[in-house]
N, C-alpha and C. Protein backbone atom coordinates (compact mmCIF):
# COMPACT_ATOMS: atom_id res chain seq x y z
N MET A 1 171.23 219.08 -145.06
CA MET A 1 170.52 218.37 -146.07
C MET A 1 170.35 216.92 -145.61
N PRO A 2 169.18 216.38 -145.80
CA PRO A 2 168.97 214.99 -145.35
C PRO A 2 169.69 214.01 -146.27
N PRO A 3 170.13 212.89 -145.71
CA PRO A 3 170.85 211.92 -146.54
C PRO A 3 169.94 211.35 -147.62
N ASP A 4 170.55 211.12 -148.76
CA ASP A 4 169.81 210.55 -149.88
C ASP A 4 169.80 209.03 -149.72
N PRO A 5 168.64 208.41 -149.56
CA PRO A 5 168.62 206.96 -149.36
C PRO A 5 169.14 206.19 -150.56
N ALA A 6 169.10 206.76 -151.72
CA ALA A 6 169.60 206.06 -152.90
C ALA A 6 171.12 206.03 -152.93
N HIS A 7 171.77 207.05 -152.32
CA HIS A 7 173.23 207.12 -152.30
C HIS A 7 173.70 207.37 -150.88
N PRO A 8 173.69 206.36 -150.05
CA PRO A 8 174.12 206.60 -148.66
C PRO A 8 175.59 206.94 -148.61
N SER A 9 175.90 207.87 -147.72
CA SER A 9 177.30 208.28 -147.57
C SER A 9 178.07 207.28 -146.69
N VAL A 10 177.36 206.60 -145.85
CA VAL A 10 178.00 205.62 -144.97
C VAL A 10 177.33 204.28 -145.25
N SER A 11 178.13 203.34 -145.59
CA SER A 11 177.54 202.02 -145.85
C SER A 11 177.31 201.31 -144.52
N PRO A 12 176.16 200.71 -144.40
CA PRO A 12 175.90 200.01 -143.15
C PRO A 12 176.82 198.81 -143.02
N THR A 13 177.25 198.58 -141.81
CA THR A 13 178.10 197.41 -141.57
C THR A 13 177.24 196.32 -140.94
N VAL A 14 177.39 195.17 -141.46
CA VAL A 14 176.65 194.03 -140.95
C VAL A 14 177.67 193.02 -140.46
N ALA A 15 177.56 192.71 -139.24
CA ALA A 15 178.48 191.72 -138.68
C ALA A 15 178.16 190.36 -139.27
N PRO A 16 179.17 189.64 -139.64
CA PRO A 16 178.90 188.31 -140.19
C PRO A 16 178.26 187.43 -139.11
N THR A 17 177.26 186.76 -139.52
CA THR A 17 176.59 185.88 -138.56
C THR A 17 177.00 184.45 -138.85
N ALA A 18 177.35 183.78 -137.83
CA ALA A 18 177.71 182.38 -137.97
C ALA A 18 176.42 181.57 -137.97
N ALA A 19 176.42 180.57 -138.76
CA ALA A 19 175.26 179.69 -138.77
C ALA A 19 175.15 179.05 -137.39
N PRO A 20 173.95 178.94 -136.89
CA PRO A 20 173.82 178.32 -135.57
C PRO A 20 174.34 176.89 -135.61
N THR A 21 175.12 176.58 -134.62
CA THR A 21 175.66 175.24 -134.57
C THR A 21 174.88 174.43 -133.55
N ALA A 22 174.55 173.27 -133.94
CA ALA A 22 173.85 172.38 -133.03
C ALA A 22 174.72 171.15 -132.83
N VAL A 23 174.92 170.81 -131.60
CA VAL A 23 175.68 169.62 -131.29
C VAL A 23 174.68 168.50 -131.05
N LEU A 24 174.70 167.57 -131.95
CA LEU A 24 173.79 166.44 -131.82
C LEU A 24 174.55 165.29 -131.19
N GLU A 25 174.09 164.91 -130.04
CA GLU A 25 174.70 163.77 -129.37
C GLU A 25 173.84 162.56 -129.61
N PRO A 26 174.46 161.43 -129.82
CA PRO A 26 173.66 160.24 -130.08
C PRO A 26 172.83 159.87 -128.86
N GLU A 27 171.63 159.36 -129.13
CA GLU A 27 170.79 158.92 -128.02
C GLU A 27 171.41 157.67 -127.43
N THR A 28 171.59 157.70 -126.15
CA THR A 28 172.15 156.53 -125.49
C THR A 28 171.25 156.13 -124.36
N THR A 29 171.14 154.87 -124.19
CA THR A 29 170.42 154.33 -123.06
C THR A 29 171.45 153.81 -122.08
N PRO A 30 171.41 154.27 -120.84
CA PRO A 30 172.42 153.80 -119.89
C PRO A 30 172.33 152.30 -119.70
N VAL A 31 173.47 151.67 -119.73
CA VAL A 31 173.52 150.23 -119.52
C VAL A 31 173.76 150.00 -118.04
N LEU A 32 172.76 149.48 -117.40
CA LEU A 32 172.86 149.24 -115.96
C LEU A 32 173.39 147.85 -115.67
N ASP A 33 173.20 146.98 -116.60
CA ASP A 33 173.59 145.60 -116.38
C ASP A 33 173.73 144.95 -117.74
N ASP A 34 174.35 143.80 -117.81
CA ASP A 34 174.49 143.14 -119.10
C ASP A 34 173.21 142.44 -119.51
N GLY A 35 172.22 142.38 -118.62
CA GLY A 35 170.93 141.83 -118.97
C GLY A 35 170.77 140.35 -118.68
N ASP A 36 171.88 139.63 -118.56
CA ASP A 36 171.77 138.20 -118.33
C ASP A 36 171.13 137.87 -116.99
N HIS A 37 171.33 138.75 -116.01
CA HIS A 37 170.77 138.47 -114.69
C HIS A 37 169.24 138.47 -114.71
N ASP A 38 168.64 139.15 -115.67
CA ASP A 38 167.19 139.22 -115.74
C ASP A 38 166.59 137.94 -116.30
N ARG A 39 167.38 137.07 -116.82
CA ARG A 39 166.88 135.82 -117.40
C ARG A 39 166.94 134.65 -116.42
N PHE A 40 167.37 134.92 -115.20
CA PHE A 40 167.57 133.85 -114.24
C PHE A 40 166.79 134.08 -112.95
N SER A 41 166.59 132.99 -112.27
CA SER A 41 166.06 133.02 -110.91
C SER A 41 167.29 133.04 -110.01
N HIS A 42 167.33 133.96 -109.05
CA HIS A 42 168.51 134.12 -108.21
C HIS A 42 168.28 133.55 -106.83
N ILE A 43 169.38 133.20 -106.19
CA ILE A 43 169.34 132.66 -104.84
C ILE A 43 169.60 133.81 -103.87
N ILE A 44 168.67 133.99 -102.92
CA ILE A 44 168.84 135.02 -101.90
C ILE A 44 168.83 134.35 -100.52
N ARG A 45 169.26 135.06 -99.54
CA ARG A 45 169.26 134.52 -98.17
C ARG A 45 167.82 134.44 -97.67
N LYS A 46 167.57 133.46 -96.82
CA LYS A 46 166.21 133.26 -96.31
C LYS A 46 165.70 134.49 -95.57
N ASP A 47 166.60 135.18 -94.89
CA ASP A 47 166.20 136.38 -94.16
C ASP A 47 165.69 137.47 -95.11
N ASP A 48 166.18 137.46 -96.35
CA ASP A 48 165.80 138.49 -97.32
C ASP A 48 164.49 138.18 -98.05
N GLN A 49 163.99 136.95 -97.94
CA GLN A 49 162.76 136.60 -98.65
C GLN A 49 161.60 137.48 -98.21
N MET A 50 161.42 137.64 -96.92
CA MET A 50 160.33 138.48 -96.41
C MET A 50 160.53 139.93 -96.83
N LYS A 51 161.77 140.39 -96.70
CA LYS A 51 162.07 141.77 -97.04
C LYS A 51 161.78 142.04 -98.52
N GLY A 52 162.08 141.10 -99.37
CA GLY A 52 161.90 141.30 -100.80
C GLY A 52 160.49 141.09 -101.29
N TYR A 53 159.92 139.95 -100.99
CA TYR A 53 158.62 139.61 -101.56
C TYR A 53 157.45 140.26 -100.83
N VAL A 54 157.54 140.40 -99.53
CA VAL A 54 156.42 140.95 -98.76
C VAL A 54 156.55 142.46 -98.58
N MET A 55 157.72 142.92 -98.19
CA MET A 55 157.92 144.33 -97.89
C MET A 55 158.23 145.16 -99.15
N GLY A 56 158.63 144.50 -100.24
CA GLY A 56 158.94 145.21 -101.47
C GLY A 56 160.26 145.96 -101.44
N GLU A 57 161.19 145.49 -100.62
CA GLU A 57 162.50 146.13 -100.52
C GLU A 57 163.50 145.39 -101.41
N ALA A 58 164.55 146.08 -101.80
CA ALA A 58 165.58 145.48 -102.63
C ALA A 58 166.35 144.42 -101.84
N VAL A 59 166.70 143.36 -102.52
CA VAL A 59 167.48 142.28 -101.93
C VAL A 59 168.73 142.08 -102.77
N GLU A 60 169.69 141.34 -102.22
CA GLU A 60 170.91 141.05 -102.96
C GLU A 60 171.06 139.55 -103.08
N ALA A 61 171.25 139.10 -104.32
CA ALA A 61 171.45 137.68 -104.59
C ALA A 61 172.89 137.29 -104.26
N LEU A 62 173.15 136.01 -104.22
CA LEU A 62 174.50 135.54 -103.94
C LEU A 62 175.49 135.99 -105.00
N CYS A 63 175.00 136.21 -106.22
CA CYS A 63 175.88 136.65 -107.31
C CYS A 63 176.16 138.15 -107.26
N GLY A 64 175.44 138.89 -106.40
CA GLY A 64 175.66 140.32 -106.28
C GLY A 64 174.57 141.18 -106.91
N LYS A 65 173.65 140.58 -107.66
CA LYS A 65 172.58 141.36 -108.28
C LYS A 65 171.66 141.90 -107.19
N LYS A 66 171.31 143.19 -107.32
CA LYS A 66 170.39 143.82 -106.37
C LYS A 66 169.13 144.20 -107.13
N TRP A 67 167.98 143.84 -106.60
CA TRP A 67 166.70 144.14 -107.24
C TRP A 67 165.56 143.91 -106.27
N VAL A 68 164.39 144.36 -106.65
CA VAL A 68 163.18 144.10 -105.87
C VAL A 68 162.47 142.93 -106.57
N PRO A 69 162.37 141.79 -105.91
CA PRO A 69 161.75 140.62 -106.54
C PRO A 69 160.28 140.88 -106.87
N SER A 70 159.90 140.49 -108.08
CA SER A 70 158.50 140.68 -108.47
C SER A 70 157.99 139.55 -109.36
N ARG A 71 158.86 138.68 -109.82
CA ARG A 71 158.47 137.61 -110.74
C ARG A 71 158.49 136.27 -110.04
N ASP A 72 157.80 135.33 -110.63
CA ASP A 72 157.78 133.97 -110.11
C ASP A 72 159.11 133.31 -110.46
N PRO A 73 159.94 132.98 -109.46
CA PRO A 73 161.26 132.41 -109.76
C PRO A 73 161.19 131.01 -110.37
N GLU A 74 160.05 130.35 -110.25
CA GLU A 74 159.90 129.00 -110.81
C GLU A 74 159.92 129.02 -112.34
N LYS A 75 159.69 130.16 -112.96
CA LYS A 75 159.60 130.25 -114.42
C LYS A 75 160.96 130.42 -115.09
N TYR A 76 162.03 130.57 -114.31
CA TYR A 76 163.34 130.85 -114.88
C TYR A 76 164.37 129.85 -114.37
N PRO A 77 165.41 129.60 -115.17
CA PRO A 77 166.49 128.74 -114.68
C PRO A 77 167.29 129.46 -113.59
N VAL A 78 167.92 128.69 -112.73
CA VAL A 78 168.68 129.27 -111.63
C VAL A 78 169.98 129.86 -112.16
N CYS A 79 170.32 131.01 -111.65
CA CYS A 79 171.53 131.74 -112.04
C CYS A 79 172.76 130.86 -111.78
N PRO A 80 173.58 130.61 -112.80
CA PRO A 80 174.76 129.76 -112.59
C PRO A 80 175.77 130.37 -111.61
N THR A 81 175.87 131.68 -111.57
CA THR A 81 176.80 132.33 -110.63
C THR A 81 176.32 132.13 -109.20
N CYS A 82 175.00 132.25 -108.99
CA CYS A 82 174.45 132.01 -107.64
C CYS A 82 174.70 130.57 -107.22
N LEU A 83 174.51 129.62 -108.15
CA LEU A 83 174.75 128.20 -107.83
C LEU A 83 176.22 127.96 -107.48
N GLU A 84 177.12 128.61 -108.20
CA GLU A 84 178.54 128.46 -107.93
C GLU A 84 178.89 128.99 -106.54
N VAL A 85 178.36 130.16 -106.21
CA VAL A 85 178.63 130.76 -104.89
C VAL A 85 178.02 129.89 -103.80
N LEU A 86 176.81 129.39 -104.02
CA LEU A 86 176.18 128.51 -103.05
C LEU A 86 177.01 127.24 -102.83
N GLY A 87 177.54 126.68 -103.90
CA GLY A 87 178.40 125.49 -103.78
C GLY A 87 179.64 125.80 -102.97
N GLN A 88 180.23 126.97 -103.19
CA GLN A 88 181.42 127.36 -102.42
C GLN A 88 181.09 127.55 -100.95
N LEU A 89 179.92 128.16 -100.67
CA LEU A 89 179.52 128.37 -99.28
C LEU A 89 179.27 127.03 -98.58
N ARG A 90 178.63 126.12 -99.28
CA ARG A 90 178.37 124.79 -98.69
C ARG A 90 179.66 124.02 -98.48
N ALA A 91 180.60 124.11 -99.43
CA ALA A 91 181.89 123.42 -99.31
C ALA A 91 182.69 123.99 -98.13
N ALA A 92 182.65 125.29 -97.95
CA ALA A 92 183.38 125.92 -96.85
C ALA A 92 182.73 125.57 -95.51
N GLY A 93 181.42 125.37 -95.49
CA GLY A 93 180.73 125.03 -94.24
C GLY A 93 180.89 123.58 -93.84
N SER A 94 181.22 122.71 -94.78
CA SER A 94 181.32 121.29 -94.45
C SER A 94 182.71 120.91 -93.97
N ASN A 95 183.67 121.83 -94.03
CA ASN A 95 185.04 121.54 -93.57
C ASN A 95 185.15 121.63 -92.10
């Protein structure tokens, strides 16, 4: 005899389904620098001027910042860390 759909002899089992969980991570922007170096004109070695401005290669300032120069340095104040390092280099050279 076929099963009566109104009175099933075996109740269907339904596995409990967990609500989908989504892990939302906050959007973060990587901090590459504190940003202060971008507000200054930096001092680089004379040998690096051609490499940076003409060839478009990254240079390193006396303060340690590495970047490809693209802005007019006359529009910004000179980096105080670069000035300090330059003063130390000049003082060491005059002894």
